[in-house]
Amino acid sequence: MYQYIIRRILVFIPMLFALSIIVFALAKAAPGDPFTGKVFDPNIDPEVYDQMREELGLNKSIPAQYIDWSSRFIKGEFGDSITFKGRTVKSLIVERFANTVRLGIFALFLTLIVSIPIGIYSARKPYSPLDYAATTFGFMGLAIPNFFFGLVVIYLFSIKLGWFPAQGTVGGPGMSGMEEFMSRIHHLILPGITLGLAGTATYMRYMRSEILDVLDSDYVRTARAKGMSERNVLYKHTLRNALIPIITLMGFELGTLLGGAIITEQVFNFPGLGTLFIGSVVNRDYPVVMAITLFLGIAILIGNLLADIFYSIVDPRIRYD
């Protein structure tokens, strides 16, 4: 296992190199730069923007810009934000990162506690009323876009009923201790449900399908023939094998939750990486855009590595050595 982990980490190096080239190329392929459109301001001399471009190295060749950016990134220096004057990209990401992580973990928690039990019950009681209801919910969850569902829950539960706040991360300044914790949970409920909607529907359908397949396996029939109870058959033999595709999905979820939060955070005006990313794209703040995009790619790579490790924990038959 340790040799496999080392090999995978070594494979990350060329993958990260290729990812950095793609991210940098996409940023440079976008039209304009942070100063595009501002030259028409009659109060500012266009030469000022030319001087600022030179200070930021935007007048250098593309390969030279990539070398400068990648070398700084390796050292942990992501450059300065162009939109937020006097702020480094690193400080902006650190400031917003905790909010996005809280939202992602909360959404994943809701997804797992809802999807797995319903998926198990639907597999044990196929074609029951709950199974039909779960199937309908699954198709609706996959079909409804996150931004539309977010607007609906804001209208119903925030505007009409007033149960939950529609934006922000905490009730107000000066909170601490349990009061702050409960306020953050209260603000996470609506965006967490919205972010976890598609994942809940997907996990539930996968869990139902996999358990139905495993229940028809020879070793499950053998366990039943030996007199093992249905509870033991389900939890000792069936569930662990059915979790393999769920772990695969969770491997991608690490990056998907951070990336999917971009739209959800924008809908709920949630101050995380998503709102920072959208604002940076609109303002052509490419140092911030490239750093966040590269972080999302790294998160997906790490998630896949963790998924491979958990495979062998859930199913001892899987070995990498």
Protein backbone atom coordinates (compact mmCIF):
# COMPACT_ATOMS: atom_id res chain seq x y z
CA MET A 1 0.00 0.00 0.00
CA TYR A 2 2.78 2.45 0.91
CA GLN A 3 4.58 1.77 -2.36
CA TYR A 4 1.35 2.37 -4.25
CA ILE A 5 0.78 5.69 -2.47
CA ILE A 6 4.33 6.79 -3.28
CA ARG A 7 3.85 5.82 -6.94
CA ARG A 8 0.59 7.76 -7.12
CA ILE A 9 2.18 10.83 -5.56
CA LEU A 10 5.00 10.65 -8.10
CA VAL A 11 2.43 10.42 -10.88
CA PHE A 12 0.89 13.63 -9.54
CA ILE A 13 3.97 15.60 -10.58
CA PRO A 14 3.50 15.36 -14.39
CA MET A 15 -0.28 15.60 -13.96
CA LEU A 16 0.07 18.84 -11.99
CA PHE A 17 2.49 20.16 -14.59
CA ALA A 18 0.00 19.43 -17.38
CA LEU A 19 -2.83 20.90 -15.30
CA SER A 20 -0.87 24.09 -14.67
CA ILE A 21 -0.25 24.51 -18.40
CA ILE A 22 -3.95 24.05 -19.17
CA VAL A 23 -5.03 26.51 -16.48
CA PHE A 24 -2.49 29.12 -17.59
CA ALA A 25 -3.37 28.66 -21.27
CA LEU A 26 -7.11 29.04 -20.61
CA ALA A 27 -6.50 32.21 -18.60
CA LYS A 28 -4.37 33.70 -21.34
CA ALA A 29 -6.83 32.64 -24.05
CA ALA A 30 -9.57 34.70 -22.39
CA PRO A 31 -10.09 38.05 -24.11
CA GLY A 32 -8.64 41.16 -22.52
CA ASP A 33 -6.82 41.69 -19.26
CA PRO A 34 -7.70 43.32 -15.90
CA PHE A 35 -7.31 46.75 -17.45
CA THR A 36 -9.40 46.14 -20.55
CA GLY A 37 -12.24 48.64 -20.82
CA LYS A 38 -10.70 51.07 -18.37
CA VAL A 39 -8.70 52.98 -20.97
CA PHE A 40 -11.86 54.85 -21.89
CA ASP A 41 -11.95 56.55 -18.50
CA PRO A 42 -11.25 60.19 -19.45
CA ASN A 43 -9.81 60.94 -16.02
CA ILE A 44 -6.97 58.43 -16.31
CA ASP A 45 -4.14 58.55 -18.80
CA PRO A 46 -3.91 55.29 -20.84
CA GLU A 47 -0.15 55.31 -20.21
CA VAL A 48 -0.88 54.60 -16.53
CA TYR A 49 -2.42 51.25 -17.48
CA ASP A 50 0.49 50.46 -19.76
CA GLN A 51 2.86 51.10 -16.87
CA MET A 52 0.77 48.85 -14.58
CA ARG A 53 0.82 46.07 -17.19
CA GLU A 54 4.59 46.34 -17.32
CA GLU A 55 4.87 46.18 -13.52
CA LEU A 56 2.73 43.02 -13.45
CA GLY A 57 4.74 41.42 -16.24
CA LEU A 58 1.78 41.31 -18.65
CA ASN A 59 3.94 42.70 -21.44
CA LYS A 60 6.30 39.70 -21.33
CA SER A 61 6.04 36.75 -23.65
CA ILE A 62 3.61 33.95 -22.76
CA PRO A 63 6.35 31.39 -21.92
CA ALA A 64 8.11 33.94 -19.68
CA GLN A 65 4.84 34.71 -17.88
CA TYR A 66 4.20 30.99 -17.33
CA ILE A 67 7.68 30.41 -15.92
CA ASP A 68 7.32 33.33 -13.53
CA TRP A 69 3.86 32.23 -12.38
CA SER A 70 4.69 28.51 -11.97
CA SER A 71 7.96 29.20 -10.14
CA ARG A 72 6.15 31.44 -7.66
CA PHE A 73 3.35 28.90 -7.26
CA ILE A 74 5.81 26.14 -6.35
CA LYS A 75 7.21 28.41 -3.62
CA GLY A 76 3.70 29.05 -2.28
CA GLU A 77 3.60 32.58 -3.66
CA PHE A 78 0.47 33.02 -5.76
CA GLY A 79 1.04 36.65 -6.60
CA ASP A 80 -0.95 39.77 -5.81
CA SER A 81 -4.58 40.34 -6.61
CA ILE A 82 -5.19 42.96 -9.26
CA THR A 83 -8.75 43.75 -8.17
CA PHE A 84 -8.13 43.78 -4.41
CA LYS A 85 -5.39 46.36 -4.10
CA GLY A 86 -2.69 45.49 -1.58
CA ARG A 87 -3.98 41.95 -1.03
CA THR A 88 -2.15 38.79 -1.97
CA VAL A 89 -3.95 35.91 -3.66
CA LYS A 90 -2.94 33.64 -0.80
CA SER A 91 -4.55 35.85 1.84
CA LEU A 92 -7.79 36.05 -0.16
CA ILE A 93 -7.98 32.28 -0.57
CA VAL A 94 -7.18 31.59 3.09
CA GLU A 95 -9.83 34.12 4.14
CA ARG A 96 -12.57 32.37 2.11
CA PHE A 97 -11.36 28.77 2.20
CA ALA A 98 -12.76 27.92 5.64
CA ASN A 99 -16.29 28.97 4.65
CA THR A 100 -16.23 26.81 1.53
CA VAL A 101 -14.86 23.81 3.44
CA ARG A 102 -17.62 24.14 6.05
CA LEU A 103 -20.24 24.29 3.32
CA GLY A 104 -18.76 21.30 1.46
CA ILE A 105 -18.50 19.13 4.59
CA PHE A 106 -22.02 20.04 5.68
CA ALA A 107 -23.42 19.27 2.21
CA LEU A 108 -21.57 15.93 2.08
CA PHE A 109 -22.83 15.05 5.59
CA LEU A 110 -26.43 15.73 4.56
CA THR A 111 -25.91 13.74 1.37
CA LEU A 112 -24.63 10.64 3.15
CA ILE A 113 -27.15 10.54 6.01
CA VAL A 114 -30.05 10.89 3.56
CA SER A 115 -28.97 8.95 0.48
CA ILE A 116 -27.44 5.81 2.00
CA PRO A 117 -30.36 4.84 4.32
CA ILE A 118 -32.94 5.56 1.61
CA GLY A 119 -30.91 3.66 -0.97
CA ILE A 120 -30.65 0.65 1.36
CA TYR A 121 -34.38 0.67 2.12
CA SER A 122 -35.27 1.03 -1.57
CA ALA A 123 -33.12 -2.00 -2.37
CA ARG A 124 -34.63 -4.09 0.43
CA LYS A 125 -38.20 -3.05 -0.48
CA PRO A 126 -38.14 -2.58 -4.26
CA TYR A 127 -41.26 -1.20 -5.92
CA SER A 128 -42.66 -0.09 -2.58
CA PRO A 129 -44.26 3.38 -2.20
CA LEU A 130 -41.05 4.72 -0.64
CA ASP A 131 -39.01 3.25 -3.48
CA TYR A 132 -41.17 4.99 -6.06
CA ALA A 133 -40.97 8.23 -4.07
CA ALA A 134 -37.18 7.92 -3.82
CA THR A 135 -36.91 7.22 -7.55
CA THR A 136 -38.99 10.30 -8.33
CA PHE A 137 -36.86 12.39 -6.00
CA GLY A 138 -33.71 11.04 -7.62
CA PHE A 139 -34.77 12.03 -11.12
CA MET A 140 -35.93 15.45 -9.94
CA GLY A 141 -32.68 16.02 -8.03
CA LEU A 142 -30.63 15.26 -11.12
CA ALA A 143 -32.84 17.34 -13.40
CA ILE A 144 -33.21 20.52 -11.31
CA PRO A 145 -30.23 22.91 -11.61
CA ASN A 146 -28.64 24.00 -8.35
CA PHE A 147 -29.19 27.70 -8.96
CA PHE A 148 -32.92 27.21 -9.63
CA PHE A 149 -33.41 25.01 -6.57
CA GLY A 150 -31.52 27.56 -4.48
CA LEU A 151 -33.81 30.36 -5.59
CA VAL A 152 -36.87 28.22 -4.79
CA VAL A 153 -35.73 27.38 -1.24
CA ILE A 154 -34.80 31.03 -0.61
CA TYR A 155 -38.29 32.11 -1.67
CA LEU A 156 -40.07 29.44 0.39
CA PHE A 157 -38.01 29.09 3.54
CA SER A 158 -36.43 32.53 3.81
CA ILE A 159 -38.81 35.05 2.28
CA LYS A 160 -42.18 33.38 2.86
CA LEU A 161 -41.61 31.40 6.06
CA GLY A 162 -38.59 33.24 7.47
CA TRP A 163 -37.10 30.07 8.92
CA PHE A 164 -33.57 30.45 7.54
CA PRO A 165 -31.37 33.36 6.44
CA ALA A 166 -30.97 33.87 2.71
CA GLN A 167 -27.33 34.97 2.73
CA GLY A 168 -24.17 35.27 4.79
CA THR A 169 -22.34 32.88 7.09
CA VAL A 170 -23.09 34.21 10.57
CA GLY A 171 -25.86 36.22 12.21
CA GLY A 172 -23.73 39.21 13.13
CA PRO A 173 -20.36 40.43 14.42
CA GLY A 174 -19.16 39.75 17.92
CA MET A 175 -20.53 36.21 18.19
CA SER A 176 -18.44 33.51 19.83
CA GLY A 177 -18.69 30.06 21.32
CA MET A 178 -21.89 28.06 20.97
CA GLU A 179 -23.84 31.08 19.75
CA GLU A 180 -21.52 31.48 16.77
CA PHE A 181 -21.56 27.74 16.05
CA MET A 182 -25.36 27.54 16.00
CA SER A 183 -25.57 30.67 13.86
CA ARG A 184 -23.16 29.18 11.31
CA ILE A 185 -25.16 25.93 11.18
CA HIS A 186 -28.35 27.96 10.71
CA HIS A 187 -26.78 29.80 7.76
CA LEU A 188 -25.44 26.54 6.26
CA ILE A 189 -28.74 24.67 6.03
CA LEU A 190 -30.19 26.17 2.85
CA PRO A 191 -26.94 26.34 0.82
CA GLY A 192 -25.94 22.90 2.16
CA ILE A 193 -29.20 21.33 1.01
CA THR A 194 -28.90 23.05 -2.36
CA LEU A 195 -25.30 21.95 -2.89
CA GLY A 196 -26.01 18.38 -1.79
CA LEU A 197 -29.17 17.90 -3.87
CA ALA A 198 -27.60 16.38 -6.97
CA GLY A 199 -25.17 14.30 -4.90
CA THR A 200 -27.99 12.92 -2.74
CA ALA A 201 -29.95 11.83 -5.79
CA THR A 202 -26.88 10.23 -7.40
CA TYR A 203 -25.71 8.39 -4.27
CA MET A 204 -29.20 7.10 -3.58
CA ARG A 205 -29.60 5.64 -7.07
CA TYR A 206 -26.14 4.07 -7.02
CA MET A 207 -26.68 2.58 -3.57
CA ARG A 208 -30.01 1.04 -4.56
CA SER A 209 -28.61 -0.40 -7.78
CA GLU A 210 -25.46 -1.85 -6.19
CA ILE A 211 -27.27 -3.45 -3.26
CA LEU A 212 -29.77 -5.08 -5.61
CA ASP A 213 -26.88 -6.51 -7.64
CA VAL A 214 -25.03 -7.78 -4.57
CA LEU A 215 -28.16 -9.36 -3.07
CA ASP A 216 -28.35 -11.60 -6.13
CA SER A 217 -24.75 -12.81 -5.68
CA ASP A 218 -23.91 -16.45 -4.94
CA TYR A 219 -22.15 -15.71 -1.65
CA VAL A 220 -25.21 -13.84 -0.36
CA ARG A 221 -27.43 -16.82 -1.18
CA THR A 222 -24.92 -19.08 0.54
CA ALA A 223 -24.97 -16.89 3.66
CA ARG A 224 -28.75 -17.05 3.74
CA ALA A 225 -28.70 -20.82 3.23
CA LYS A 226 -26.45 -21.14 6.28
CA GLY A 227 -29.10 -19.41 8.37
CA MET A 228 -27.54 -15.96 8.65
CA SER A 229 -30.06 -13.26 9.53
CA GLU A 230 -31.05 -10.66 6.95
CA ARG A 231 -29.47 -7.94 9.09
CA ASN A 232 -26.08 -9.67 9.07
CA VAL A 233 -26.39 -10.44 5.37
CA LEU A 234 -27.05 -6.79 4.66
CA TYR A 235 -24.43 -5.15 6.86
CA LYS A 236 -21.65 -7.75 6.86
CA HIS A 237 -21.74 -8.95 3.28
CA THR A 238 -23.84 -6.70 1.09
CA LEU A 239 -23.17 -3.16 2.26
CA ARG A 240 -19.38 -3.25 2.18
CA ASN A 241 -19.35 -4.46 -1.41
CA ALA A 242 -22.01 -1.96 -2.43
CA LEU A 243 -19.95 0.92 -1.04
CA ILE A 244 -17.23 0.62 -3.72
CA PRO A 245 -18.99 2.86 -6.30
CA ILE A 246 -19.99 5.28 -3.53
CA ILE A 247 -16.33 5.65 -2.55
CA THR A 248 -15.52 6.29 -6.21
CA LEU A 249 -18.05 9.09 -6.31
CA MET A 250 -16.72 10.53 -3.05
CA GLY A 251 -13.24 10.63 -4.54
CA PHE A 252 -14.47 13.09 -7.14
CA GLU A 253 -16.69 14.82 -4.59
CA LEU A 254 -13.74 16.54 -2.88
CA GLY A 255 -13.18 18.69 -5.92
CA THR A 256 -16.80 18.69 -7.04
CA LEU A 257 -18.04 20.17 -3.76
CA LEU A 258 -15.50 22.99 -3.96
CA GLY A 259 -16.26 23.55 -7.63
CA GLY A 260 -20.01 23.10 -7.29
CA ALA A 261 -20.07 25.60 -4.47
CA ILE A 262 -19.19 28.30 -7.01
CA ILE A 263 -22.80 28.54 -8.24
CA THR A 264 -24.38 27.81 -4.86
CA GLU A 265 -22.33 30.45 -3.07
CA GLN A 266 -23.24 33.00 -5.69
CA VAL A 267 -26.97 32.30 -5.26
CA PHE A 268 -26.81 32.61 -1.46
CA ASN A 269 -24.18 35.40 -1.45
CA PHE A 270 -22.04 33.07 0.64
CA PRO A 271 -18.54 34.56 1.10
CA GLY A 272 -16.43 31.59 0.03
CA LEU A 273 -14.16 30.56 -2.81
CA GLY A 274 -17.13 30.46 -5.18
CA THR A 275 -18.03 34.13 -4.85
CA LEU A 276 -14.34 35.04 -4.94
CA PHE A 277 -13.91 33.02 -8.15
CA ILE A 278 -16.92 34.56 -9.91
CA GLY A 279 -15.90 38.07 -8.90
CA SER A 280 -12.36 37.44 -10.12
CA VAL A 281 -13.59 36.13 -13.47
CA VAL A 282 -15.81 39.17 -13.97
CA ASN A 283 -12.96 41.54 -13.09
CA ARG A 284 -10.37 39.51 -15.03
CA ASP A 285 -8.30 39.03 -11.88
CA TYR A 286 -6.39 36.16 -13.45
CA PRO A 287 -3.94 35.45 -10.59
CA VAL A 288 -6.91 34.62 -8.33
CA VAL A 289 -8.72 32.67 -11.05
CA MET A 290 -5.69 30.53 -11.89
CA ALA A 291 -4.89 29.80 -8.24
CA ILE A 292 -8.43 28.68 -7.40
CA THR A 293 -8.73 26.59 -10.57
CA LEU A 294 -5.45 24.84 -9.88
CA PHE A 295 -6.51 24.16 -6.28
CA LEU A 296 -9.71 22.49 -7.53
CA GLY A 297 -7.69 20.24 -9.82
CA ILE A 298 -5.35 19.30 -6.97
CA ALA A 299 -8.38 18.53 -4.76
CA ILE A 300 -9.73 16.10 -7.36
CA LEU A 301 -6.35 14.33 -7.61
CA ILE A 302 -6.16 14.00 -3.81
CA GLY A 303 -9.75 12.76 -3.70
CA ASN A 304 -8.96 9.99 -6.20
CA LEU A 305 -5.94 8.93 -4.14
CA LEU A 306 -8.06 8.78 -0.95
CA ALA A 307 -10.69 6.75 -2.81
CA ASP A 308 -8.08 4.17 -3.82
CA ILE A 309 -6.92 3.90 -0.22
CA PHE A 310 -10.45 3.43 1.11
CA TYR A 311 -11.08 0.68 -1.47
CA SER A 312 -8.72 -1.64 0.36
CA ILE A 313 -10.22 -0.70 3.73
CA VAL A 314 -13.80 -1.47 2.68
CA ASP A 315 -12.91 -4.55 0.60
CA PRO A 316 -9.84 -6.47 1.90
CA ARG A 317 -9.67 -8.39 -1.38
CA ILE A 318 -8.35 -5.25 -3.10
CA ARG A 319 -4.58 -5.06 -2.87
CA TYR A 320 -2.14 -2.76 -4.66
CA ASP A 321 1.17 -4.41 -3.77
